[in-house]
């Protein structure tokens, strides 16, 4: 019959002799590998039951539940071996999801300008959203919003007409981040849903506003990449609504509201951190080009935010 998973030290120790010997392998990793084998054979109901026993989240598709249980067990074993050093990780993650001017079909010659700048501050120690920032931005090149843009984002013409210009809003963001001592007292990283927010929207906007690209936004966590690599799913399954669905969550708020999107992205980040994923910088801008950051690169927080200089 089916072999039920009983995760216990006694069971894994009894199996150690059967594991292939590896001179450079610590015995703890053999125990983890054996337990992973048991977890792989569990049904969805067995997985949920075991997760409930550990007081862990039981929502999500089977692959997510397996990953969650494996990481919980791995974390427990490694903590016994060597206590985790929380100083080696970011204290905060700043989730950003811009809204920009757009037209139906987005013609290639259309220039996108940022019209909403939200930031959601996620505390990686408490795994809670600690604060939020949101300001709308007055577009310069296409000051009149298309009906498509208004319908998509819920941002009205009146809202952007009364808004500040991008350099002023960026200055307000930087001041808000400074007040929270990001990059000075606390380490942090930016996080986005995909590459476009920083590599396209912010990059283009800085050129329009004739300011240099801000140094604090030169590296970020692309959560789509992190999610795909962590849960071993193809890139086409990393859209915001699909990620939420696979994790057993519903979208909260209004889709294409920058702040609501950012909050939902933060909820995914929280669940991934709970499941044992170390979200880390995986993309950066260099000389105006998007580049990948290797997972073996040192884990460094973003610098203290400063207002970039104006271009000549």
Foldseek 3Di string as FASTA:
>chain_A
DQDAQDLDPVVLVVCLVVDDDDPPDDSLVSSLVVNLVNLVRDDLVSLLVVCVVVVHDSDFDSLLSSLLVSQVSSQVSVCVVPNDDPVQAFQKEKEWDFQWAADVVGPPVDATATFKTKIFIAGLVVLDGDDMDIFTAQDDPCRQGDPVSCVQQVQHSVRNVPGYHPLVVVVVVLVVLVVVVDQHPTFYFYEYQDDCVQLPHQLSNCVVVQFDRWQLHFWHFNVLVLVCVSSVHDSVQSDLQSLQVRRRHHQPDHPNHRHSSRVSVSVSVSSCVSSPRRGATFWGADPSDIDGDDPPDRGGGGHNTDRTGGHD
